[in-house]
Amino acid sequence: MALIKRLEDFEKAFKRLKESYEETLKHKENDYYTFFRDSTIQRFEFTVEIMWKTLKNFLYEHSGIDCKSPKGCIKDFFSAGYLTNDETIILLEMIDDRNMTSHTYHEEVAEKIFKDLQVYLPIIEKIIDKLKEQVDNT
């Protein structure tokens, strides 16, 4: 039951991240861009947090795997056959970006993280779809 609730929260967080990202793109050429970009990065931060905790719950409930860290959970999710090697590498880079969010006062760091979202969003969505499929089949 905890997994279902966490997955619902993960899906909501992702939806809000995606909406924020799309809204920020609309402001690329105006004075509000940095406000929207920084808000999107904050949403990215907590979406990644709930993503790895959802993976942790899923892996434990479905495979008895007790991962301890964000990168460990991603590697275990890959080992369980849910991710390609390329997706895994990108997600590990995403964790590094999430760890850099406290440095978004550096313009180049904020821009890098925001730019990378175009790669991260489809993979996060794929993870949600895979988790929902697995949960629905149990």
N, C-alpha and C. Protein backbone atom coordinates (compact mmCIF):
# COMPACT_ATOMS: atom_id res chain seq x y z
N MET A 1 0.82 -1.19 0.00
CA MET A 1 0.00 0.00 0.00
C MET A 1 0.86 1.26 0.00
N ALA A 2 1.96 1.24 0.73
CA ALA A 2 2.85 2.40 0.77
C ALA A 2 3.42 2.69 -0.63
N LEU A 3 3.67 1.62 -1.39
CA LEU A 3 4.21 1.79 -2.73
C LEU A 3 3.20 2.51 -3.63
N ILE A 4 1.95 2.14 -3.55
CA ILE A 4 0.92 2.76 -4.40
C ILE A 4 0.82 4.25 -4.09
N LYS A 5 0.81 4.61 -2.84
CA LYS A 5 0.74 6.02 -2.44
C LYS A 5 1.97 6.77 -2.91
N ARG A 6 3.14 6.18 -2.72
CA ARG A 6 4.38 6.84 -3.14
C ARG A 6 4.40 7.02 -4.65
N LEU A 7 3.94 6.01 -5.38
CA LEU A 7 3.89 6.10 -6.84
C LEU A 7 2.93 7.21 -7.28
N GLU A 8 1.80 7.34 -6.61
CA GLU A 8 0.86 8.43 -6.93
C GLU A 8 1.51 9.78 -6.67
N ASP A 9 2.22 9.91 -5.57
CA ASP A 9 2.91 11.16 -5.25
C ASP A 9 4.02 11.45 -6.27
N PHE A 10 4.72 10.43 -6.68
CA PHE A 10 5.78 10.56 -7.69
C PHE A 10 5.17 11.06 -9.00
N GLU A 11 4.07 10.47 -9.39
CA GLU A 11 3.42 10.86 -10.64
C GLU A 11 2.94 12.32 -10.57
N LYS A 12 2.38 12.73 -9.45
CA LYS A 12 1.94 14.12 -9.28
C LYS A 12 3.13 15.08 -9.32
N ALA A 13 4.21 14.72 -8.65
CA ALA A 13 5.40 15.58 -8.65
C ALA A 13 5.95 15.72 -10.06
N PHE A 14 5.97 14.61 -10.80
CA PHE A 14 6.46 14.66 -12.18
C PHE A 14 5.58 15.54 -13.04
N LYS A 15 4.28 15.41 -12.88
CA LYS A 15 3.34 16.22 -13.67
C LYS A 15 3.59 17.71 -13.41
N ARG A 16 3.78 18.06 -12.17
CA ARG A 16 4.03 19.47 -11.83
C ARG A 16 5.39 19.93 -12.35
N LEU A 17 6.39 19.06 -12.33
CA LEU A 17 7.69 19.39 -12.90
C LEU A 17 7.56 19.65 -14.40
N LYS A 18 6.87 18.77 -15.08
CA LYS A 18 6.70 18.91 -16.53
C LYS A 18 5.95 20.21 -16.87
N GLU A 19 4.90 20.51 -16.12
CA GLU A 19 4.15 21.75 -16.33
C GLU A 19 5.05 22.96 -16.11
N SER A 20 5.83 22.92 -15.06
CA SER A 20 6.73 24.02 -14.74
C SER A 20 7.78 24.20 -15.83
N TYR A 21 8.32 23.10 -16.32
CA TYR A 21 9.31 23.15 -17.40
C TYR A 21 8.72 23.80 -18.64
N GLU A 22 7.52 23.35 -19.02
CA GLU A 22 6.87 23.89 -20.21
C GLU A 22 6.54 25.37 -20.05
N GLU A 23 6.12 25.77 -18.87
CA GLU A 23 5.83 27.18 -18.60
C GLU A 23 7.11 28.02 -18.67
N THR A 24 8.19 27.49 -18.16
CA THR A 24 9.46 28.21 -18.19
C THR A 24 9.91 28.46 -19.62
N LEU A 25 9.71 27.49 -20.49
CA LEU A 25 10.09 27.67 -21.89
C LEU A 25 9.36 28.86 -22.52
N LYS A 26 8.14 29.12 -22.07
CA LYS A 26 7.36 30.24 -22.60
C LYS A 26 7.96 31.59 -22.20
N HIS A 27 8.76 31.59 -21.15
CA HIS A 27 9.33 32.83 -20.62
C HIS A 27 10.82 32.99 -20.96
N LYS A 28 11.30 32.20 -21.88
CA LYS A 28 12.73 32.18 -22.22
C LYS A 28 13.27 33.56 -22.56
N GLU A 29 12.44 34.40 -23.16
CA GLU A 29 12.91 35.70 -23.64
C GLU A 29 12.44 36.88 -22.78
N ASN A 30 11.97 36.63 -21.56
CA ASN A 30 11.54 37.78 -20.76
C ASN A 30 12.16 37.77 -19.37
N ASP A 31 11.84 38.79 -18.61
CA ASP A 31 12.45 38.99 -17.29
C ASP A 31 12.05 37.95 -16.26
N TYR A 32 11.02 37.18 -16.51
CA TYR A 32 10.56 36.18 -15.56
C TYR A 32 11.24 34.83 -15.72
N TYR A 33 12.06 34.71 -16.75
CA TYR A 33 12.68 33.42 -17.05
C TYR A 33 13.42 32.83 -15.85
N THR A 34 14.30 33.60 -15.22
CA THR A 34 15.10 33.03 -14.13
C THR A 34 14.23 32.60 -12.96
N PHE A 35 13.16 33.34 -12.69
CA PHE A 35 12.23 32.94 -11.64
C PHE A 35 11.60 31.58 -11.96
N PHE A 36 11.09 31.45 -13.17
CA PHE A 36 10.46 30.18 -13.57
C PHE A 36 11.49 29.06 -13.65
N ARG A 37 12.66 29.35 -14.17
CA ARG A 37 13.71 28.32 -14.27
C ARG A 37 14.09 27.80 -12.89
N ASP A 38 14.30 28.73 -11.96
CA ASP A 38 14.70 28.32 -10.62
C ASP A 38 13.59 27.54 -9.92
N SER A 39 12.34 27.92 -10.16
CA SER A 39 11.21 27.17 -9.61
C SER A 39 11.15 25.77 -10.19
N THR A 40 11.44 25.65 -11.47
CA THR A 40 11.45 24.34 -12.13
C THR A 40 12.56 23.47 -11.56
N ILE A 41 13.71 24.06 -11.30
CA ILE A 41 14.82 23.30 -10.71
C ILE A 41 14.44 22.81 -9.31
N GLN A 42 13.71 23.61 -8.56
CA GLN A 42 13.25 23.17 -7.24
C GLN A 42 12.30 21.98 -7.38
N ARG A 43 11.41 22.04 -8.34
CA ARG A 43 10.50 20.90 -8.59
C ARG A 43 11.29 19.66 -9.03
N PHE A 44 12.31 19.87 -9.85
CA PHE A 44 13.18 18.78 -10.27
C PHE A 44 13.81 18.12 -9.05
N GLU A 45 14.27 18.94 -8.12
CA GLU A 45 14.93 18.43 -6.93
C GLU A 45 14.01 17.49 -6.14
N PHE A 46 12.77 17.91 -5.88
CA PHE A 46 11.92 17.03 -5.08
C PHE A 46 11.33 15.90 -5.91
N THR A 47 11.25 16.04 -7.23
CA THR A 47 10.80 14.92 -8.07
C THR A 47 11.84 13.81 -8.06
N VAL A 48 13.11 14.17 -8.14
CA VAL A 48 14.18 13.17 -8.09
C VAL A 48 14.18 12.48 -6.73
N GLU A 49 13.95 13.24 -5.69
CA GLU A 49 13.92 12.67 -4.33
C GLU A 49 12.82 11.61 -4.21
N ILE A 50 11.63 11.95 -4.66
CA ILE A 50 10.54 10.97 -4.56
C ILE A 50 10.72 9.83 -5.56
N MET A 51 11.37 10.09 -6.69
CA MET A 51 11.62 9.03 -7.65
C MET A 51 12.47 7.93 -7.04
N TRP A 52 13.61 8.30 -6.42
CA TRP A 52 14.49 7.25 -5.92
C TRP A 52 13.87 6.53 -4.73
N LYS A 53 13.08 7.24 -3.94
CA LYS A 53 12.41 6.58 -2.81
C LYS A 53 11.30 5.64 -3.30
N THR A 54 10.68 5.99 -4.41
CA THR A 54 9.69 5.09 -5.02
C THR A 54 10.38 3.85 -5.55
N LEU A 55 11.51 4.04 -6.21
CA LEU A 55 12.29 2.89 -6.69
C LEU A 55 12.70 2.00 -5.53
N LYS A 56 13.10 2.61 -4.43
CA LYS A 56 13.50 1.86 -3.23
C LYS A 56 12.33 0.99 -2.75
N ASN A 57 11.14 1.60 -2.62
CA ASN A 57 9.96 0.84 -2.19
C ASN A 57 9.64 -0.29 -3.17
N PHE A 58 9.65 0.05 -4.46
CA PHE A 58 9.31 -0.93 -5.49
C PHE A 58 10.27 -2.11 -5.46
N LEU A 59 11.57 -1.82 -5.46
CA LEU A 59 12.56 -2.90 -5.49
C LEU A 59 12.45 -3.80 -4.26
N TYR A 60 12.16 -3.20 -3.12
CA TYR A 60 12.02 -4.01 -1.91
C TYR A 60 10.78 -4.89 -1.97
N GLU A 61 9.66 -4.29 -2.37
CA GLU A 61 8.40 -5.05 -2.40
C GLU A 61 8.36 -6.09 -3.50
N HIS A 62 9.00 -5.82 -4.64
CA HIS A 62 8.90 -6.73 -5.78
C HIS A 62 10.08 -7.69 -5.91
N SER A 63 11.23 -7.34 -5.34
CA SER A 63 12.40 -8.18 -5.53
C SER A 63 13.16 -8.45 -4.24
N GLY A 64 12.75 -7.86 -3.14
CA GLY A 64 13.46 -8.02 -1.89
C GLY A 64 14.80 -7.30 -1.86
N ILE A 65 15.01 -6.38 -2.81
CA ILE A 65 16.26 -5.62 -2.88
C ILE A 65 16.13 -4.39 -1.99
N ASP A 66 17.09 -4.22 -1.10
CA ASP A 66 17.05 -3.09 -0.17
C ASP A 66 18.17 -2.12 -0.53
N CYS A 67 17.89 -1.26 -1.51
CA CYS A 67 18.90 -0.28 -1.91
C CYS A 67 18.94 0.85 -0.90
N LYS A 68 20.09 1.49 -0.79
CA LYS A 68 20.30 2.47 0.28
C LYS A 68 20.48 3.91 -0.20
N SER A 69 20.74 4.10 -1.48
CA SER A 69 21.06 5.44 -1.97
C SER A 69 20.39 5.66 -3.33
N PRO A 70 20.28 6.92 -3.77
CA PRO A 70 19.68 7.18 -5.08
C PRO A 70 20.39 6.43 -6.21
N LYS A 71 21.71 6.54 -6.26
CA LYS A 71 22.44 5.86 -7.33
C LYS A 71 22.35 4.34 -7.20
N GLY A 72 22.37 3.85 -5.98
CA GLY A 72 22.23 2.41 -5.76
C GLY A 72 20.89 1.90 -6.25
N CYS A 73 19.84 2.64 -5.98
CA CYS A 73 18.50 2.22 -6.43
C CYS A 73 18.40 2.23 -7.95
N ILE A 74 19.00 3.22 -8.59
CA ILE A 74 18.99 3.26 -10.06
C ILE A 74 19.76 2.08 -10.62
N LYS A 75 20.90 1.79 -10.06
CA LYS A 75 21.69 0.64 -10.52
C LYS A 75 20.93 -0.67 -10.31
N ASP A 76 20.25 -0.80 -9.17
CA ASP A 76 19.48 -2.02 -8.91
C ASP A 76 18.27 -2.12 -9.83
N PHE A 77 17.64 -0.99 -10.16
CA PHE A 77 16.52 -0.98 -11.09
C PHE A 77 16.99 -1.42 -12.48
N PHE A 78 18.19 -1.00 -12.86
CA PHE A 78 18.81 -1.45 -14.10
C PHE A 78 19.09 -2.95 -14.04
N SER A 79 19.69 -3.41 -12.95
CA SER A 79 20.02 -4.83 -12.81
C SER A 79 18.79 -5.72 -12.85
N ALA A 80 17.66 -5.16 -12.40
CA ALA A 80 16.40 -5.92 -12.43
C ALA A 80 15.77 -5.93 -13.82
N GLY A 81 16.40 -5.23 -14.77
CA GLY A 81 15.95 -5.28 -16.16
C GLY A 81 14.97 -4.20 -16.58
N TYR A 82 14.83 -3.15 -15.80
CA TYR A 82 13.85 -2.11 -16.11
C TYR A 82 14.42 -0.93 -16.88
N LEU A 83 15.72 -0.84 -16.97
CA LEU A 83 16.36 0.29 -17.67
C LEU A 83 17.41 -0.23 -18.63
N THR A 84 17.63 0.54 -19.70
CA THR A 84 18.75 0.24 -20.59
C THR A 84 20.02 0.81 -19.96
N ASN A 85 21.14 0.40 -20.50
CA ASN A 85 22.42 0.93 -20.03
C ASN A 85 22.47 2.45 -20.23
N ASP A 86 22.05 2.93 -21.40
CA ASP A 86 22.07 4.37 -21.68
C ASP A 86 21.16 5.14 -20.73
N GLU A 87 19.97 4.61 -20.46
CA GLU A 87 19.06 5.27 -19.53
C GLU A 87 19.67 5.35 -18.13
N THR A 88 20.33 4.29 -17.74
CA THR A 88 20.96 4.24 -16.42
C THR A 88 22.05 5.30 -16.31
N ILE A 89 22.86 5.42 -17.33
CA ILE A 89 23.93 6.43 -17.32
C ILE A 89 23.32 7.83 -17.20
N ILE A 90 22.27 8.10 -17.95
CA ILE A 90 21.61 9.41 -17.91
C ILE A 90 21.01 9.66 -16.52
N LEU A 91 20.39 8.65 -15.94
CA LEU A 91 19.79 8.82 -14.61
C LEU A 91 20.86 9.04 -13.54
N LEU A 92 22.00 8.40 -13.67
CA LEU A 92 23.08 8.64 -12.73
C LEU A 92 23.60 10.08 -12.86
N GLU A 93 23.65 10.58 -14.09
CA GLU A 93 24.01 11.98 -14.31
C GLU A 93 22.94 12.90 -13.71
N MET A 94 21.69 12.47 -13.81
CA MET A 94 20.60 13.25 -13.24
C MET A 94 20.76 13.39 -11.72
N ILE A 95 21.18 12.33 -11.07
CA ILE A 95 21.42 12.39 -9.62
C ILE A 95 22.53 13.39 -9.33
N ASP A 96 23.57 13.39 -10.16
CA ASP A 96 24.64 14.38 -9.98
C ASP A 96 24.09 15.80 -10.13
N ASP A 97 23.22 16.01 -11.12
CA ASP A 97 22.60 17.33 -11.30
C ASP A 97 21.74 17.69 -10.08
N ARG A 98 21.01 16.72 -9.58
CA ARG A 98 20.18 16.98 -8.41
C ARG A 98 21.06 17.39 -7.23
N ASN A 99 22.22 16.77 -7.11
CA ASN A 99 23.13 17.12 -6.03
C ASN A 99 23.74 18.52 -6.20
N MET A 100 23.71 19.03 -7.42
CA MET A 100 24.25 20.37 -7.69
C MET A 100 23.19 21.47 -7.51
N THR A 101 21.96 21.09 -7.23
CA THR A 101 20.91 22.12 -7.17
C THR A 101 21.15 23.16 -6.10
N SER A 102 21.92 22.83 -5.10
CA SER A 102 22.23 23.84 -4.07
C SER A 102 23.19 24.91 -4.60
N HIS A 103 23.71 24.70 -5.81
CA HIS A 103 24.63 25.65 -6.42
C HIS A 103 24.00 26.43 -7.57
N THR A 104 22.67 26.49 -7.59
CA THR A 104 22.01 27.16 -8.71
C THR A 104 22.18 28.67 -8.70
N TYR A 105 22.82 29.20 -7.67
CA TYR A 105 23.15 30.62 -7.69
C TYR A 105 24.21 30.90 -8.75
N HIS A 106 24.89 29.86 -9.20
CA HIS A 106 25.80 29.98 -10.35
C HIS A 106 24.96 29.83 -11.61
N GLU A 107 24.90 30.87 -12.39
CA GLU A 107 24.05 30.89 -13.58
C GLU A 107 24.31 29.70 -14.50
N GLU A 108 25.58 29.35 -14.69
CA GLU A 108 25.90 28.26 -15.61
C GLU A 108 25.40 26.91 -15.08
N VAL A 109 25.41 26.71 -13.77
CA VAL A 109 24.90 25.47 -13.18
C VAL A 109 23.38 25.40 -13.38
N ALA A 110 22.69 26.50 -13.11
CA ALA A 110 21.23 26.53 -13.27
C ALA A 110 20.85 26.26 -14.72
N GLU A 111 21.56 26.88 -15.64
CA GLU A 111 21.25 26.67 -17.07
C GLU A 111 21.52 25.23 -17.49
N LYS A 112 22.61 24.65 -17.00
CA LYS A 112 22.92 23.26 -17.35
C LYS A 112 21.81 22.32 -16.87
N ILE A 113 21.41 22.49 -15.62
CA ILE A 113 20.36 21.62 -15.07
C ILE A 113 19.07 21.79 -15.84
N PHE A 114 18.68 23.04 -16.09
CA PHE A 114 17.44 23.26 -16.83
C PHE A 114 17.51 22.67 -18.23
N LYS A 115 18.62 22.86 -18.91
CA LYS A 115 18.78 22.31 -20.26
C LYS A 115 18.70 20.77 -20.25
N ASP A 116 19.30 20.16 -19.24
CA ASP A 116 19.30 18.70 -19.15
C ASP A 116 17.91 18.11 -18.92
N LEU A 117 16.98 18.93 -18.44
CA LEU A 117 15.63 18.42 -18.20
C LEU A 117 14.98 17.86 -19.46
N GLN A 118 15.33 18.39 -20.61
CA GLN A 118 14.74 17.88 -21.85
C GLN A 118 15.10 16.41 -22.08
N VAL A 119 16.21 15.98 -21.52
CA VAL A 119 16.63 14.57 -21.61
C VAL A 119 16.03 13.76 -20.46
N TYR A 120 15.97 14.37 -19.29
CA TYR A 120 15.51 13.65 -18.10
C TYR A 120 14.01 13.38 -18.09
N LEU A 121 13.23 14.33 -18.54
CA LEU A 121 11.77 14.19 -18.43
C LEU A 121 11.22 12.93 -19.10
N PRO A 122 11.62 12.61 -20.34
CA PRO A 122 11.09 11.38 -20.94
C PRO A 122 11.48 10.10 -20.20
N ILE A 123 12.68 10.09 -19.62
CA ILE A 123 13.12 8.90 -18.90
C ILE A 123 12.36 8.77 -17.58
N ILE A 124 12.15 9.88 -16.90
CA ILE A 124 11.36 9.83 -15.66
C ILE A 124 9.95 9.33 -15.97
N GLU A 125 9.38 9.83 -17.05
CA GLU A 125 8.03 9.39 -17.44
C GLU A 125 8.00 7.89 -17.75
N LYS A 126 9.06 7.40 -18.39
CA LYS A 126 9.16 5.97 -18.70
C LYS A 126 9.22 5.14 -17.41
N ILE A 127 9.94 5.64 -16.42
CA ILE A 127 10.02 4.94 -15.13
C ILE A 127 8.63 4.87 -14.49
N ILE A 128 7.91 5.97 -14.51
CA ILE A 128 6.55 5.97 -13.95
C ILE A 128 5.69 4.94 -14.66
N ASP A 129 5.76 4.92 -15.98
CA ASP A 129 4.95 3.96 -16.75
C ASP A 129 5.33 2.52 -16.40
N LYS A 130 6.62 2.23 -16.28
CA LYS A 130 7.06 0.87 -15.95
C LYS A 130 6.59 0.48 -14.54
N LEU A 131 6.72 1.40 -13.61
CA LEU A 131 6.28 1.11 -12.24
C LEU A 131 4.79 0.87 -12.18
N LYS A 132 4.02 1.72 -12.85
CA LYS A 132 2.56 1.55 -12.85
C LYS A 132 2.17 0.21 -13.47
N GLU A 133 2.84 -0.15 -14.55
CA GLU A 133 2.56 -1.42 -15.21
C GLU A 133 2.83 -2.59 -14.27
N GLN A 134 3.95 -2.54 -13.58
CA GLN A 134 4.32 -3.62 -12.65
C GLN A 134 3.36 -3.68 -11.46
N VAL A 135 3.01 -2.53 -10.92
CA VAL A 135 2.10 -2.48 -9.76
C VAL A 135 0.70 -2.97 -10.17
N ASP A 136 0.27 -2.58 -11.37
CA ASP A 136 -1.06 -3.00 -11.85
C ASP A 136 -1.13 -4.50 -12.09
N ASN A 137 0.01 -5.12 -12.40
CA ASN A 137 0.05 -6.55 -12.69
C ASN A 137 0.22 -7.42 -11.45
N THR A 138 0.24 -6.79 -10.27
CA THR A 138 0.40 -7.61 -9.05
C THR A 138 -0.88 -7.67 -8.26
